[in-house]
Amino acid sequence: MQPQFLSDTLCICRWLSLSNLNSLQVLLRIRADDASALCCLGTKYGCEPADAAAILAAAAALHTDVVGVSFHVGSGSRDPKVSPLFYICKGRQIFMLTSWGV
């Protein structure tokens, strides 16, 4: 299995591109918010959807293999509108807008 890492910034993409790992795969971590969660992680982790295209473009220029999208709404999520399906669709939209396809 190939090593996989999460990235949500241009800086992390640059750092990963300098690694000596062969066949490195990256998951783009997008911001997911649930204000009702016991521990909200959207304020700490994940890129804004508006920044995702720039991060994917930089990753491509650095020959970093972005293979998917990741997100985490936090612990104890209580809002039924903050569903995994919503963020899966958001991730697909990000890839479609950048002509990567998933």
C-alpha atoms as a PDB file:
ATOM      1  CA  MET A   1       0.000   0.000   0.000  1.00  0.00           C
ATOM      2  CA  GLN A   2       1.241   3.475  -0.843  1.00  0.00           C
ATOM      3  CA  PRO A   3       1.787   6.003   1.967  1.00  0.00           C
ATOM      4  CA  GLN A   4      -1.094   8.480   2.299  1.00  0.00           C
ATOM      5  CA  PHE A   5      -1.023  11.899   3.925  1.00  0.00           C
ATOM      6  CA  LEU A   6      -3.538  14.681   4.530  1.00  0.00           C
ATOM      7  CA  SER A   7      -2.993  18.189   3.242  1.00  0.00           C
ATOM      8  CA  ASP A   8      -5.063  21.304   3.730  1.00  0.00           C
ATOM      9  CA  THR A   9      -2.508  23.999   2.859  1.00  0.00           C
ATOM     10  CA  LEU A  10      -0.068  24.898   0.094  1.00  0.00           C
ATOM     11  CA  CYS A  11       2.751  24.667   2.637  1.00  0.00           C
ATOM     12  CA  ILE A  12       1.996  21.026   3.426  1.00  0.00           C
ATOM     13  CA  CYS A  13       1.824  20.178  -0.297  1.00  0.00           C
ATOM     14  CA  ARG A  14       5.272  21.727  -0.780  1.00  0.00           C
ATOM     15  CA  TRP A  15       6.656  19.862   2.222  1.00  0.00           C
ATOM     16  CA  LEU A  16       5.235  16.537   1.016  1.00  0.00           C
ATOM     17  CA  SER A  17       6.653  17.081  -2.476  1.00  0.00           C
ATOM     18  CA  LEU A  18      10.140  17.329  -0.921  1.00  0.00           C
ATOM     19  CA  SER A  19       9.819  14.016   0.900  1.00  0.00           C
ATOM     20  CA  ASN A  20      11.754  10.998  -0.271  1.00  0.00           C
ATOM     21  CA  LEU A  21       8.691   8.777  -0.229  1.00  0.00           C
ATOM     22  CA  ASN A  22       8.010   7.029  -3.506  1.00  0.00           C
ATOM     23  CA  SER A  23       4.427   6.895  -4.743  1.00  0.00           C
ATOM     24  CA  LEU A  24       3.174   9.301  -2.104  1.00  0.00           C
ATOM     25  CA  GLN A  25      -0.591   9.852  -2.175  1.00  0.00           C
ATOM     26  CA  VAL A  26      -2.348  12.873  -0.690  1.00  0.00           C
ATOM     27  CA  LEU A  27      -5.913  13.413   0.475  1.00  0.00           C
ATOM     28  CA  LEU A  28      -7.119  17.008   0.377  1.00  0.00           C
ATOM     29  CA  ARG A  29      -8.720  17.782   3.740  1.00  0.00           C
ATOM     30  CA  ILE A  30     -11.652  20.194   3.382  1.00  0.00           C
ATOM     31  CA  ARG A  31     -13.186  22.212   6.177  1.00  0.00           C
ATOM     32  CA  ALA A  32     -16.330  20.743   7.699  1.00  0.00           C
ATOM     33  CA  ASP A  33     -18.220  22.660  10.359  1.00  0.00           C
ATOM     34  CA  ASP A  34     -20.786  21.666  12.934  1.00  0.00           C
ATOM     35  CA  ALA A  35     -21.301  24.354  15.563  1.00  0.00           C
ATOM     36  CA  SER A  36     -23.231  21.841  17.686  1.00  0.00           C
ATOM     37  CA  ALA A  37     -20.333  19.355  17.891  1.00  0.00           C
ATOM     38  CA  LEU A  38     -18.768  18.819  21.293  1.00  0.00           C
ATOM     39  CA  CYS A  39     -15.344  19.361  19.731  1.00  0.00           C
ATOM     40  CA  CYS A  40     -15.470  21.407  16.510  1.00  0.00           C
ATOM     41  CA  LEU A  41     -12.566  20.552  14.229  1.00  0.00           C
ATOM     42  CA  GLY A  42     -13.518  22.798  11.295  1.00  0.00           C
ATOM     43  CA  THR A  43     -11.892  25.761  12.997  1.00  0.00           C
ATOM     44  CA  LYS A  44      -8.562  23.933  13.135  1.00  0.00           C
ATOM     45  CA  TYR A  45      -8.434  21.544  10.177  1.00  0.00           C
ATOM     46  CA  GLY A  46      -9.347  21.674   6.524  1.00  0.00           C
ATOM     47  CA  CYS A  47      -9.048  24.141   3.695  1.00  0.00           C
ATOM     48  CA  GLU A  48     -11.837  26.437   2.643  1.00  0.00           C
ATOM     49  CA  PRO A  49     -13.529  25.184  -0.541  1.00  0.00           C
ATOM     50  CA  ALA A  50     -12.549  28.473  -2.211  1.00  0.00           C
ATOM     51  CA  ASP A  51      -8.852  27.636  -1.602  1.00  0.00           C
ATOM     52  CA  ALA A  52      -9.069  24.033  -2.768  1.00  0.00           C
ATOM     53  CA  ALA A  53      -8.504  24.740  -6.475  1.00  0.00           C
ATOM     54  CA  ALA A  54      -5.256  26.610  -5.753  1.00  0.00           C
ATOM     55  CA  ILE A  55      -4.026  23.810  -3.495  1.00  0.00           C
ATOM     56  CA  LEU A  56      -4.857  21.159  -6.124  1.00  0.00           C
ATOM     57  CA  ALA A  57      -3.135  23.193  -8.844  1.00  0.00           C
ATOM     58  CA  ALA A  58      -0.026  23.584  -6.684  1.00  0.00           C
ATOM     59  CA  ALA A  59      -0.050  19.867  -5.872  1.00  0.00           C
ATOM     60  CA  ALA A  60      -0.191  19.044  -9.583  1.00  0.00           C
ATOM     61  CA  ALA A  61       2.700  21.421 -10.312  1.00  0.00           C
ATOM     62  CA  LEU A  62       4.703  19.702  -7.555  1.00  0.00           C
ATOM     63  CA  HIS A  63       3.859  16.256  -8.996  1.00  0.00           C
ATOM     64  CA  THR A  64       1.959  15.327  -5.843  1.00  0.00           C
ATOM     65  CA  ASP A  65      -0.661  12.647  -6.409  1.00  0.00           C
ATOM     66  CA  VAL A  66      -3.915  13.895  -4.847  1.00  0.00           C
ATOM     67  CA  VAL A  67      -6.206  10.868  -4.772  1.00  0.00           C
ATOM     68  CA  GLY A  68      -9.206  12.020  -2.783  1.00  0.00           C
ATOM     69  CA  VAL A  69     -10.862  14.235  -0.208  1.00  0.00           C
ATOM     70  CA  SER A  70     -11.036  13.984   3.572  1.00  0.00           C
ATOM     71  CA  PHE A  71     -13.031  15.824   6.217  1.00  0.00           C
ATOM     72  CA  HIS A  72     -13.932  15.580   9.913  1.00  0.00           C
ATOM     73  CA  VAL A  73     -16.828  17.546  11.389  1.00  0.00           C
ATOM     74  CA  GLY A  74     -15.721  16.920  14.958  1.00  0.00           C
ATOM     75  CA  SER A  75     -16.712  14.795  17.895  1.00  0.00           C
ATOM     76  CA  GLY A  76     -20.298  14.577  19.038  1.00  0.00           C
ATOM     77  CA  SER A  77     -21.829  16.086  15.925  1.00  0.00           C
ATOM     78  CA  ARG A  78     -25.521  16.742  16.577  1.00  0.00           C
ATOM     79  CA  ASP A  79     -26.655  18.623  13.483  1.00  0.00           C
ATOM     80  CA  PRO A  80     -28.383  16.250  11.031  1.00  0.00           C
ATOM     81  CA  LYS A  81     -27.778  18.763   8.194  1.00  0.00           C
ATOM     82  CA  VAL A  82     -24.018  18.260   8.628  1.00  0.00           C
ATOM     83  CA  SER A  83     -23.964  14.849   7.032  1.00  0.00           C
ATOM     84  CA  PRO A  84     -21.085  12.939   5.469  1.00  0.00           C
ATOM     85  CA  LEU A  85     -22.987  12.918   2.168  1.00  0.00           C
ATOM     86  CA  PHE A  86     -22.955  16.742   2.084  1.00  0.00           C
ATOM     87  CA  TYR A  87     -19.161  16.839   2.388  1.00  0.00           C
ATOM     88  CA  ILE A  88     -18.655  13.949  -0.013  1.00  0.00           C
ATOM     89  CA  CYS A  89     -20.641  15.944  -2.594  1.00  0.00           C
ATOM     90  CA  LYS A  90     -18.639  19.079  -1.770  1.00  0.00           C
ATOM     91  CA  GLY A  91     -15.404  17.143  -2.314  1.00  0.00           C
ATOM     92  CA  ARG A  92     -16.628  15.858  -5.660  1.00  0.00           C
ATOM     93  CA  GLN A  93     -17.577  19.395  -6.711  1.00  0.00           C
ATOM     94  CA  ILE A  94     -14.078  20.607  -5.838  1.00  0.00           C
ATOM     95  CA  PHE A  95     -12.475  17.945  -8.010  1.00  0.00           C
ATOM     96  CA  MET A  96     -14.931  18.518 -10.877  1.00  0.00           C
ATOM     97  CA  LEU A  97     -14.316  22.279 -10.837  1.00  0.00           C
ATOM     98  CA  THR A  98     -10.594  21.716 -11.160  1.00  0.00           C
ATOM     99  CA  SER A  99     -11.124  19.174 -13.974  1.00  0.00           C
ATOM    100  CA  TRP A 100      -9.480  16.396 -11.987  1.00  0.00           C
ATOM    101  CA  GLY A 101     -12.513  14.140 -11.767  1.00  0.00           C
ATOM    102  CA  VAL A 102     -12.902  11.550  -9.066  1.00  0.00           C
END
